[in-house]
Structure formats: structure tokens, C-alpha cells
N, C-alpha and C. Protein backbone atom coordinates (compact mmCIF):
# COMPACT_ATOMS: atom_id res chain seq x y z
N MET A 1 -13.33 -39.29 21.74
CA MET A 1 -13.97 -40.54 21.36
C MET A 1 -13.01 -41.33 20.48
N GLU A 2 -12.72 -42.58 20.88
CA GLU A 2 -11.78 -43.39 20.13
C GLU A 2 -12.44 -43.97 18.89
N LYS A 3 -11.65 -44.05 17.83
CA LYS A 3 -12.11 -44.65 16.58
C LYS A 3 -11.51 -46.04 16.48
N LEU A 4 -12.35 -47.05 16.41
CA LEU A 4 -11.89 -48.42 16.37
C LEU A 4 -11.78 -48.93 14.94
N ALA A 5 -10.86 -49.85 14.73
CA ALA A 5 -10.70 -50.55 13.47
C ALA A 5 -11.03 -52.02 13.72
N SER A 6 -11.12 -52.79 12.65
CA SER A 6 -11.43 -54.21 12.84
C SER A 6 -10.53 -55.08 11.98
N ALA A 7 -10.42 -56.33 12.40
CA ALA A 7 -9.66 -57.35 11.69
C ALA A 7 -10.43 -58.66 11.83
N ILE A 8 -10.42 -59.46 10.77
CA ILE A 8 -11.08 -60.77 10.78
C ILE A 8 -10.02 -61.83 10.49
N LEU A 9 -9.81 -62.72 11.47
CA LEU A 9 -8.76 -63.74 11.36
C LEU A 9 -9.30 -65.12 11.73
N GLY A 10 -8.80 -66.13 11.05
CA GLY A 10 -9.15 -67.51 11.37
C GLY A 10 -7.88 -68.35 11.46
N GLY A 11 -7.75 -69.06 12.55
CA GLY A 11 -6.56 -69.90 12.75
C GLY A 11 -6.91 -71.07 13.63
N GLY A 12 -7.84 -71.88 13.18
CA GLY A 12 -8.30 -72.99 13.99
C GLY A 12 -9.55 -72.62 14.75
N CYS A 13 -9.71 -73.18 15.90
CA CYS A 13 -10.89 -72.94 16.74
C CYS A 13 -10.95 -71.47 17.18
N PHE A 14 -12.10 -70.86 17.03
CA PHE A 14 -12.20 -69.45 17.42
C PHE A 14 -12.08 -69.24 18.92
N TRP A 15 -12.29 -70.27 19.71
CA TRP A 15 -12.10 -70.13 21.16
C TRP A 15 -10.65 -69.80 21.48
N CYS A 16 -9.72 -70.47 20.78
CA CYS A 16 -8.29 -70.22 21.00
C CYS A 16 -7.90 -68.80 20.61
N LEU A 17 -8.31 -68.40 19.42
CA LEU A 17 -7.95 -67.06 18.96
C LEU A 17 -8.53 -65.99 19.88
N GLU A 18 -9.76 -66.18 20.30
CA GLU A 18 -10.39 -65.21 21.19
C GLU A 18 -9.60 -65.10 22.49
N ALA A 19 -9.17 -66.21 23.06
CA ALA A 19 -8.41 -66.19 24.31
C ALA A 19 -7.09 -65.47 24.13
N VAL A 20 -6.42 -65.66 23.01
CA VAL A 20 -5.15 -64.98 22.75
C VAL A 20 -5.36 -63.49 22.59
N TYR A 21 -6.21 -63.11 21.65
CA TYR A 21 -6.37 -61.69 21.33
C TYR A 21 -7.02 -60.88 22.44
N SER A 22 -7.76 -61.52 23.31
CA SER A 22 -8.36 -60.78 24.43
C SER A 22 -7.30 -60.27 25.40
N ARG A 23 -6.08 -60.77 25.27
CA ARG A 23 -4.98 -60.36 26.15
C ARG A 23 -4.01 -59.38 25.48
N ILE A 24 -4.31 -58.94 24.28
CA ILE A 24 -3.43 -58.04 23.54
C ILE A 24 -3.84 -56.60 23.80
N ASP A 25 -2.87 -55.79 24.19
CA ASP A 25 -3.12 -54.37 24.46
C ASP A 25 -3.68 -53.69 23.22
N GLY A 26 -4.71 -52.92 23.39
CA GLY A 26 -5.33 -52.20 22.29
C GLY A 26 -6.55 -52.89 21.72
N VAL A 27 -6.72 -54.19 22.01
CA VAL A 27 -7.91 -54.91 21.56
C VAL A 27 -9.06 -54.55 22.49
N LYS A 28 -10.14 -54.08 21.91
CA LYS A 28 -11.29 -53.63 22.70
C LYS A 28 -12.36 -54.70 22.84
N SER A 29 -12.59 -55.46 21.78
CA SER A 29 -13.59 -56.53 21.86
C SER A 29 -13.31 -57.56 20.77
N ILE A 30 -13.83 -58.75 21.01
CA ILE A 30 -13.67 -59.86 20.07
C ILE A 30 -15.02 -60.55 19.94
N LEU A 31 -15.37 -60.83 18.69
CA LEU A 31 -16.62 -61.51 18.42
C LEU A 31 -16.31 -62.76 17.59
N PRO A 32 -16.54 -63.96 18.13
CA PRO A 32 -16.34 -65.16 17.33
C PRO A 32 -17.45 -65.27 16.28
N GLY A 33 -17.10 -65.86 15.15
CA GLY A 33 -18.11 -66.01 14.11
C GLY A 33 -17.61 -66.85 12.95
N TYR A 34 -18.26 -66.64 11.81
CA TYR A 34 -18.01 -67.44 10.62
C TYR A 34 -17.87 -66.51 9.42
N ALA A 35 -16.98 -66.87 8.50
CA ALA A 35 -16.80 -66.09 7.27
C ALA A 35 -16.26 -67.00 6.18
N GLY A 36 -16.46 -66.58 4.95
CA GLY A 36 -15.86 -67.26 3.82
C GLY A 36 -16.67 -68.38 3.21
N GLY A 37 -17.91 -68.51 3.60
CA GLY A 37 -18.73 -69.60 3.07
C GLY A 37 -19.90 -69.13 2.25
N ASP A 38 -20.78 -70.08 1.94
CA ASP A 38 -21.90 -69.81 1.05
C ASP A 38 -23.23 -69.63 1.77
N ASN A 39 -23.40 -70.23 2.93
CA ASN A 39 -24.69 -70.16 3.64
C ASN A 39 -24.90 -68.79 4.28
N GLN A 40 -26.11 -68.30 4.21
CA GLN A 40 -26.48 -67.11 4.95
C GLN A 40 -26.87 -67.52 6.37
N ASP A 41 -26.36 -66.80 7.35
CA ASP A 41 -26.65 -67.08 8.75
C ASP A 41 -26.34 -68.54 9.14
N PRO A 42 -25.11 -68.98 8.93
CA PRO A 42 -24.76 -70.36 9.27
C PRO A 42 -24.79 -70.59 10.77
N THR A 43 -25.05 -71.82 11.14
CA THR A 43 -25.00 -72.21 12.55
C THR A 43 -23.70 -72.98 12.80
N TYR A 44 -23.34 -73.11 14.06
CA TYR A 44 -22.16 -73.87 14.43
C TYR A 44 -22.26 -75.31 13.91
N GLU A 45 -23.43 -75.91 14.07
CA GLU A 45 -23.64 -77.28 13.62
C GLU A 45 -23.43 -77.41 12.12
N GLN A 46 -23.89 -76.42 11.34
CA GLN A 46 -23.70 -76.45 9.89
C GLN A 46 -22.23 -76.28 9.53
N VAL A 47 -21.56 -75.32 10.17
CA VAL A 47 -20.16 -75.04 9.87
C VAL A 47 -19.29 -76.25 10.22
N CYS A 48 -19.62 -76.93 11.33
CA CYS A 48 -18.84 -78.11 11.77
C CYS A 48 -18.86 -79.25 10.76
N THR A 49 -19.82 -79.28 9.87
CA THR A 49 -19.86 -80.34 8.86
C THR A 49 -18.76 -80.14 7.82
N GLY A 50 -18.24 -78.92 7.72
CA GLY A 50 -17.24 -78.61 6.71
C GLY A 50 -17.84 -78.40 5.33
N LYS A 51 -19.16 -78.40 5.22
CA LYS A 51 -19.82 -78.30 3.92
C LYS A 51 -20.28 -76.89 3.57
N THR A 52 -20.18 -75.94 4.48
CA THR A 52 -20.67 -74.58 4.20
C THR A 52 -19.60 -73.69 3.57
N GLY A 53 -18.33 -74.09 3.70
CA GLY A 53 -17.24 -73.25 3.20
C GLY A 53 -16.79 -72.19 4.18
N HIS A 54 -17.50 -72.05 5.29
CA HIS A 54 -17.13 -71.05 6.29
C HIS A 54 -15.94 -71.52 7.12
N ALA A 55 -15.20 -70.55 7.62
CA ALA A 55 -14.15 -70.79 8.59
C ALA A 55 -14.59 -70.21 9.92
N GLU A 56 -14.16 -70.83 11.00
CA GLU A 56 -14.33 -70.22 12.32
C GLU A 56 -13.34 -69.06 12.38
N VAL A 57 -13.83 -67.88 12.69
CA VAL A 57 -12.99 -66.68 12.72
C VAL A 57 -13.34 -65.84 13.95
N ILE A 58 -12.51 -64.83 14.17
CA ILE A 58 -12.86 -63.82 15.16
C ILE A 58 -12.81 -62.46 14.49
N GLN A 59 -13.72 -61.60 14.92
CA GLN A 59 -13.72 -60.21 14.51
C GLN A 59 -13.14 -59.42 15.67
N ILE A 60 -12.01 -58.81 15.43
CA ILE A 60 -11.30 -58.05 16.47
C ILE A 60 -11.58 -56.57 16.27
N SER A 61 -12.08 -55.92 17.29
CA SER A 61 -12.20 -54.46 17.28
C SER A 61 -11.03 -53.94 18.10
N PHE A 62 -10.23 -53.05 17.49
CA PHE A 62 -9.03 -52.58 18.17
C PHE A 62 -8.83 -51.08 17.99
N ASP A 63 -8.09 -50.52 18.91
CA ASP A 63 -7.76 -49.10 18.88
C ASP A 63 -6.44 -48.94 18.14
N PRO A 64 -6.46 -48.38 16.91
CA PRO A 64 -5.23 -48.25 16.14
C PRO A 64 -4.22 -47.28 16.75
N GLU A 65 -4.63 -46.54 17.78
CA GLU A 65 -3.69 -45.67 18.50
C GLU A 65 -2.83 -46.49 19.46
N LYS A 66 -3.33 -47.68 19.83
CA LYS A 66 -2.62 -48.53 20.80
C LYS A 66 -1.98 -49.77 20.18
N THR A 67 -2.52 -50.24 19.09
CA THR A 67 -1.93 -51.37 18.38
C THR A 67 -2.24 -51.21 16.90
N SER A 68 -1.52 -51.91 16.09
CA SER A 68 -1.73 -51.78 14.64
C SER A 68 -2.24 -53.09 14.06
N TYR A 69 -2.76 -52.98 12.87
CA TYR A 69 -3.17 -54.18 12.14
C TYR A 69 -1.96 -55.10 11.96
N GLY A 70 -0.82 -54.52 11.66
CA GLY A 70 0.41 -55.31 11.50
C GLY A 70 0.79 -56.07 12.75
N LYS A 71 0.63 -55.45 13.91
CA LYS A 71 0.94 -56.15 15.17
C LYS A 71 -0.05 -57.28 15.42
N LEU A 72 -1.29 -57.08 15.05
CA LEU A 72 -2.27 -58.16 15.18
C LEU A 72 -1.87 -59.34 14.28
N LEU A 73 -1.35 -59.02 13.09
CA LEU A 73 -0.88 -60.08 12.20
C LEU A 73 0.35 -60.77 12.78
N ASP A 74 1.23 -60.03 13.44
CA ASP A 74 2.39 -60.65 14.10
C ASP A 74 1.93 -61.71 15.11
N TRP A 75 0.93 -61.38 15.91
CA TRP A 75 0.38 -62.35 16.87
C TRP A 75 -0.27 -63.52 16.15
N PHE A 76 -0.91 -63.24 15.02
CA PHE A 76 -1.57 -64.28 14.24
C PHE A 76 -0.60 -65.40 13.88
N TRP A 77 0.59 -65.03 13.40
CA TRP A 77 1.57 -66.04 12.99
C TRP A 77 2.09 -66.83 14.18
N LEU A 78 2.11 -66.22 15.35
CA LEU A 78 2.62 -66.89 16.55
C LEU A 78 1.62 -67.82 17.21
N CYS A 79 0.34 -67.54 17.08
CA CYS A 79 -0.66 -68.24 17.90
C CYS A 79 -1.31 -69.45 17.23
N HIS A 80 -0.87 -69.79 16.03
CA HIS A 80 -1.37 -71.02 15.39
C HIS A 80 -0.32 -71.49 14.39
N ASP A 81 -0.56 -72.63 13.79
CA ASP A 81 0.36 -73.17 12.80
C ASP A 81 -0.17 -72.87 11.40
N PRO A 82 0.41 -71.86 10.74
CA PRO A 82 -0.08 -71.49 9.41
C PRO A 82 0.43 -72.40 8.28
N THR A 83 1.09 -73.49 8.66
CA THR A 83 1.64 -74.40 7.65
C THR A 83 0.82 -75.67 7.48
N THR A 84 -0.23 -75.83 8.26
CA THR A 84 -1.06 -77.02 8.13
C THR A 84 -2.36 -76.65 7.43
N LEU A 85 -2.67 -77.36 6.38
CA LEU A 85 -3.85 -77.07 5.58
C LEU A 85 -5.10 -77.65 6.25
N ASN A 86 -6.03 -76.77 6.53
CA ASN A 86 -7.33 -77.18 7.08
C ASN A 86 -7.21 -78.00 8.36
N ARG A 87 -6.28 -77.57 9.22
CA ARG A 87 -6.08 -78.30 10.46
C ARG A 87 -5.32 -77.44 11.47
N GLN A 88 -5.73 -77.55 12.72
CA GLN A 88 -4.98 -77.01 13.85
C GLN A 88 -5.06 -78.06 14.94
N GLY A 89 -3.96 -78.77 15.15
CA GLY A 89 -3.96 -79.85 16.14
C GLY A 89 -5.01 -80.89 15.80
N GLY A 90 -5.88 -81.18 16.76
CA GLY A 90 -6.92 -82.18 16.56
C GLY A 90 -8.14 -81.65 15.82
N ASP A 91 -8.19 -80.34 15.58
CA ASP A 91 -9.32 -79.75 14.85
C ASP A 91 -9.03 -79.84 13.36
N VAL A 92 -9.82 -80.64 12.65
CA VAL A 92 -9.57 -80.91 11.24
C VAL A 92 -10.79 -80.54 10.41
N GLY A 93 -10.55 -79.88 9.29
CA GLY A 93 -11.61 -79.51 8.36
C GLY A 93 -11.40 -78.09 7.85
N THR A 94 -12.04 -77.77 6.74
CA THR A 94 -11.88 -76.44 6.15
C THR A 94 -12.33 -75.33 7.09
N GLN A 95 -13.20 -75.64 8.03
CA GLN A 95 -13.66 -74.64 8.98
C GLN A 95 -12.54 -74.19 9.93
N TYR A 96 -11.45 -74.95 9.99
CA TYR A 96 -10.33 -74.63 10.87
C TYR A 96 -9.12 -74.12 10.09
N ARG A 97 -9.33 -73.71 8.84
CA ARG A 97 -8.22 -73.25 8.01
C ARG A 97 -7.61 -71.95 8.53
N SER A 98 -6.37 -71.74 8.16
CA SER A 98 -5.67 -70.51 8.47
C SER A 98 -6.05 -69.48 7.40
N VAL A 99 -6.65 -68.38 7.83
CA VAL A 99 -7.17 -67.41 6.86
C VAL A 99 -7.16 -65.99 7.43
N ILE A 100 -6.83 -65.06 6.57
CA ILE A 100 -6.94 -63.63 6.87
C ILE A 100 -7.98 -63.08 5.91
N PHE A 101 -9.05 -62.52 6.45
CA PHE A 101 -10.06 -61.86 5.63
C PHE A 101 -9.81 -60.36 5.70
N TYR A 102 -9.49 -59.76 4.56
CA TYR A 102 -9.23 -58.32 4.55
C TYR A 102 -10.50 -57.55 4.21
N GLU A 103 -10.56 -56.33 4.76
CA GLU A 103 -11.73 -55.48 4.57
C GLU A 103 -11.46 -54.30 3.65
N ASN A 104 -10.18 -54.06 3.33
CA ASN A 104 -9.83 -52.94 2.46
C ASN A 104 -8.46 -53.19 1.85
N GLU A 105 -8.04 -52.31 0.96
CA GLU A 105 -6.76 -52.49 0.27
C GLU A 105 -5.57 -52.43 1.22
N MET A 106 -5.63 -51.58 2.23
CA MET A 106 -4.54 -51.49 3.21
C MET A 106 -4.35 -52.83 3.90
N GLN A 107 -5.45 -53.44 4.35
CA GLN A 107 -5.36 -54.74 5.01
C GLN A 107 -4.87 -55.82 4.04
N LYS A 108 -5.33 -55.77 2.81
CA LYS A 108 -4.89 -56.75 1.81
C LYS A 108 -3.38 -56.68 1.62
N THR A 109 -2.88 -55.47 1.41
CA THR A 109 -1.44 -55.27 1.22
C THR A 109 -0.66 -55.72 2.45
N ALA A 110 -1.12 -55.31 3.62
CA ALA A 110 -0.44 -55.66 4.87
C ALA A 110 -0.42 -57.17 5.07
N ALA A 111 -1.53 -57.85 4.75
CA ALA A 111 -1.60 -59.30 4.92
C ALA A 111 -0.61 -60.02 4.01
N TYR A 112 -0.56 -59.63 2.74
CA TYR A 112 0.37 -60.27 1.81
C TYR A 112 1.83 -59.99 2.19
N GLU A 113 2.11 -58.75 2.59
CA GLU A 113 3.48 -58.41 2.98
C GLU A 113 3.90 -59.16 4.24
N SER A 114 2.98 -59.27 5.20
CA SER A 114 3.26 -59.98 6.44
C SER A 114 3.51 -61.46 6.16
N LYS A 115 2.68 -62.04 5.32
CA LYS A 115 2.83 -63.47 4.98
C LYS A 115 4.18 -63.70 4.29
N LYS A 116 4.55 -62.83 3.38
CA LYS A 116 5.85 -62.96 2.69
C LYS A 116 7.00 -62.84 3.68
N ALA A 117 6.92 -61.87 4.57
CA ALA A 117 7.99 -61.66 5.55
C ALA A 117 8.15 -62.86 6.46
N VAL A 118 7.05 -63.40 6.93
CA VAL A 118 7.12 -64.58 7.81
C VAL A 118 7.66 -65.78 7.04
N GLY A 119 7.26 -65.91 5.79
CA GLY A 119 7.77 -67.00 4.96
C GLY A 119 9.27 -66.92 4.75
N ARG A 120 9.78 -65.71 4.58
CA ARG A 120 11.23 -65.51 4.40
C ARG A 120 12.00 -65.69 5.70
N SER A 121 11.33 -65.55 6.82
CA SER A 121 12.01 -65.59 8.12
C SER A 121 12.48 -66.99 8.51
N ALA A 122 11.94 -68.00 7.90
CA ALA A 122 12.30 -69.40 8.18
C ALA A 122 11.98 -69.82 9.61
N ILE A 123 10.99 -69.18 10.23
CA ILE A 123 10.60 -69.65 11.57
C ILE A 123 9.74 -70.91 11.50
N PHE A 124 9.22 -71.19 10.30
CA PHE A 124 8.45 -72.41 10.10
C PHE A 124 9.23 -73.34 9.19
N ASP A 125 9.13 -74.64 9.45
CA ASP A 125 9.84 -75.64 8.65
C ASP A 125 9.15 -75.95 7.32
N HIS A 126 7.88 -75.57 7.22
CA HIS A 126 7.10 -75.88 6.02
C HIS A 126 6.51 -74.59 5.45
N PRO A 127 6.10 -74.60 4.19
CA PRO A 127 5.51 -73.40 3.58
C PRO A 127 4.21 -72.99 4.27
N ILE A 128 3.98 -71.70 4.29
CA ILE A 128 2.74 -71.16 4.86
C ILE A 128 1.61 -71.37 3.87
N VAL A 129 0.48 -71.89 4.36
CA VAL A 129 -0.68 -72.17 3.51
C VAL A 129 -1.85 -71.24 3.82
N THR A 130 -1.61 -70.22 4.60
CA THR A 130 -2.67 -69.28 4.99
C THR A 130 -3.32 -68.66 3.77
N GLU A 131 -4.64 -68.71 3.76
CA GLU A 131 -5.45 -68.10 2.71
C GLU A 131 -5.62 -66.61 3.03
N ILE A 132 -5.57 -65.77 2.02
CA ILE A 132 -5.87 -64.34 2.20
C ILE A 132 -7.01 -64.03 1.23
N SER A 133 -8.16 -63.63 1.77
CA SER A 133 -9.36 -63.43 0.96
C SER A 133 -10.09 -62.17 1.39
N GLU A 134 -10.80 -61.61 0.44
CA GLU A 134 -11.63 -60.45 0.74
C GLU A 134 -12.83 -60.91 1.57
N LEU A 135 -13.15 -60.14 2.59
CA LEU A 135 -14.31 -60.46 3.42
C LEU A 135 -15.58 -60.12 2.66
N SER A 136 -16.44 -61.10 2.51
CA SER A 136 -17.74 -60.82 1.90
C SER A 136 -18.77 -60.54 2.98
N GLU A 137 -18.79 -61.39 4.00
CA GLU A 137 -19.73 -61.18 5.10
C GLU A 137 -19.25 -61.93 6.33
N PHE A 138 -19.49 -61.35 7.48
CA PHE A 138 -19.16 -61.96 8.76
C PHE A 138 -20.47 -62.27 9.47
N PHE A 139 -20.54 -63.48 10.02
CA PHE A 139 -21.73 -63.90 10.76
C PHE A 139 -21.32 -64.21 12.19
N PRO A 140 -21.86 -63.49 13.18
CA PRO A 140 -21.52 -63.78 14.58
C PRO A 140 -21.94 -65.20 14.96
N ALA A 141 -21.12 -65.82 15.79
CA ALA A 141 -21.43 -67.15 16.31
C ALA A 141 -22.48 -67.04 17.41
N GLU A 142 -23.01 -68.17 17.77
CA GLU A 142 -24.01 -68.24 18.82
C GLU A 142 -23.41 -67.73 20.14
N ASP A 143 -24.27 -67.21 20.99
CA ASP A 143 -23.83 -66.57 22.24
C ASP A 143 -22.93 -67.45 23.11
N TYR A 144 -23.19 -68.75 23.14
CA TYR A 144 -22.41 -69.60 24.04
C TYR A 144 -20.94 -69.72 23.63
N HIS A 145 -20.57 -69.25 22.44
CA HIS A 145 -19.17 -69.25 22.00
C HIS A 145 -18.42 -68.00 22.48
N HIS A 146 -19.14 -66.97 22.86
CA HIS A 146 -18.52 -65.71 23.25
C HIS A 146 -17.83 -65.86 24.61
N ASP A 147 -16.59 -65.38 24.69
CA ASP A 147 -15.80 -65.46 25.93
C ASP A 147 -15.72 -66.89 26.45
N TYR A 148 -15.60 -67.84 25.55
CA TYR A 148 -15.66 -69.24 25.92
C TYR A 148 -14.61 -69.62 26.97
N PHE A 149 -13.37 -69.24 26.74
CA PHE A 149 -12.31 -69.60 27.68
C PHE A 149 -12.55 -68.95 29.04
N SER A 150 -12.92 -67.69 29.05
CA SER A 150 -13.17 -67.00 30.32
C SER A 150 -14.33 -67.63 31.08
N ASN A 151 -15.33 -68.07 30.36
CA ASN A 151 -16.51 -68.65 31.00
C ASN A 151 -16.38 -70.14 31.31
N ASN A 152 -15.39 -70.81 30.71
CA ASN A 152 -15.25 -72.26 30.88
C ASN A 152 -13.79 -72.66 31.07
N PRO A 153 -13.05 -72.03 31.98
CA PRO A 153 -11.62 -72.29 32.08
C PRO A 153 -11.26 -73.73 32.45
N ASN A 154 -12.18 -74.46 33.04
CA ASN A 154 -11.91 -75.84 33.44
C ASN A 154 -12.41 -76.88 32.46
N ALA A 155 -13.01 -76.43 31.35
CA ALA A 155 -13.46 -77.38 30.33
C ALA A 155 -12.22 -78.03 29.71
N GLY A 156 -12.36 -79.26 29.26
CA GLY A 156 -11.23 -80.01 28.73
C GLY A 156 -10.45 -79.29 27.65
N TYR A 157 -11.13 -78.74 26.65
CA TYR A 157 -10.45 -78.05 25.56
C TYR A 157 -9.67 -76.85 26.09
N CYS A 158 -10.25 -76.15 27.04
CA CYS A 158 -9.59 -74.98 27.62
C CYS A 158 -8.36 -75.38 28.42
N THR A 159 -8.47 -76.44 29.19
CA THR A 159 -7.38 -76.91 30.04
C THR A 159 -6.21 -77.47 29.24
N TYR A 160 -6.53 -78.26 28.20
CA TYR A 160 -5.49 -78.98 27.48
C TYR A 160 -4.99 -78.30 26.21
N ILE A 161 -5.77 -77.37 25.66
CA ILE A 161 -5.37 -76.71 24.42
C ILE A 161 -5.11 -75.22 24.63
N ILE A 162 -6.11 -74.52 25.16
CA ILE A 162 -5.99 -73.06 25.23
C ILE A 162 -5.00 -72.61 26.29
N GLN A 163 -5.10 -73.13 27.51
CA GLN A 163 -4.20 -72.68 28.58
C GLN A 163 -2.73 -72.90 28.24
N PRO A 164 -2.34 -74.07 27.72
CA PRO A 164 -0.93 -74.24 27.33
C PRO A 164 -0.49 -73.26 26.23
N LYS A 165 -1.40 -72.95 25.31
CA LYS A 165 -1.08 -71.98 24.26
C LYS A 165 -0.82 -70.60 24.87
N LEU A 166 -1.66 -70.20 25.80
CA LEU A 166 -1.48 -68.90 26.47
C LEU A 166 -0.16 -68.87 27.25
N GLU A 167 0.17 -69.98 27.89
CA GLU A 167 1.44 -70.06 28.63
C GLU A 167 2.63 -69.98 27.68
N LYS A 168 2.55 -70.69 26.56
CA LYS A 168 3.62 -70.67 25.58
C LYS A 168 3.86 -69.26 25.05
N LEU A 169 2.78 -68.51 24.84
CA LEU A 169 2.87 -67.15 24.32
C LEU A 169 3.10 -66.11 25.42
N ARG A 170 3.18 -66.61 26.66
CA ARG A 170 3.34 -65.75 27.83
C ARG A 170 2.22 -64.72 27.98
N LEU A 171 1.01 -65.22 27.75
CA LEU A 171 -0.18 -64.39 27.86
C LEU A 171 -1.10 -64.86 28.99
N ASP A 172 -0.63 -65.79 29.81
CA ASP A 172 -1.47 -66.33 30.89
C ASP A 172 -1.52 -65.40 32.08
């Protein structure tokens, strides 16, 4: 019986992150949701106002025998722009912030070390603004957000934003 671990990451729209991580070896499941805010059981409509403090995130369940938390963080830096504050492309607001929510001390240490290493690497022209915070609670998003790209590959956002991102990362 495999023992799964989890990671909670936010890097813009959760549809994009879900599409990327669903193609990573060792990832068993992904649940889009919300974290980092004040409302209990927030809805998409509430989070979209930017007034709840929540970020759109994904909860990744992964097999640590096949991939590591560190490798998931490596993909995190590649699949979004961690140098833009509260924005990813046309998605603007605190709900689209770049954030790593850690669940334990190992994840906290790994997140800070990974952020420092990427910052020293000079792969980005601007400083990294990614927030690293302790996870207080994760709230799953509404069902229609689950597997959004897989279920809606011809939707405008999927065609113009997600598919090019997958191609760029060679995950198509």
C-alpha cells in the first residue's frame, strides 16, 4: 500500500496548475481549492472578489517514492511567474498570488531553500515575491473546477492560456 504525501501550491489560476501537475510522474491526484484567507467554506464567487484573503491553490497528493516535494517545487518555479505580485498574466488580484503553503517543518525548510536557490540562479529578471505560509486550512473548490482543462479543452482560457503553457513546458 503506497503512502501519499501532499503539497499545497498557488500560482495564479488553479486550472493552470492542475493541468501542469496532472502530467507529473508520481502525482496521484489534484484537488483545486482555496487557502490562506479568513472565510470558512469560501465560494469561488467570494474568492474572486479578492476580499476573502484566500488564494486559488491546488492540493497535490503524490507518491514520495516516485517524486519528491523538492521536485514539485522545481515545477512550481517553472510553471508560473513568481516575480509578479498578485498577478499571473491577465488574472489579477490577491487570489492569484504566488504562494507555497507548508504543512510541516520539512516543507517549510524545503520551500525557503528552494526559493533562495531559484533567486540565486538568476533565471528571473526580477525578485521572487512568492509568499511562504503555514497552511491553516484548505477548502476544496466547487466540483466544476475539478479537471477543468481535461473537461473543457476547447474553452477560451484553456486554448489560449493553458495549452500554450503545457507546450512550453513540454507537457502536452
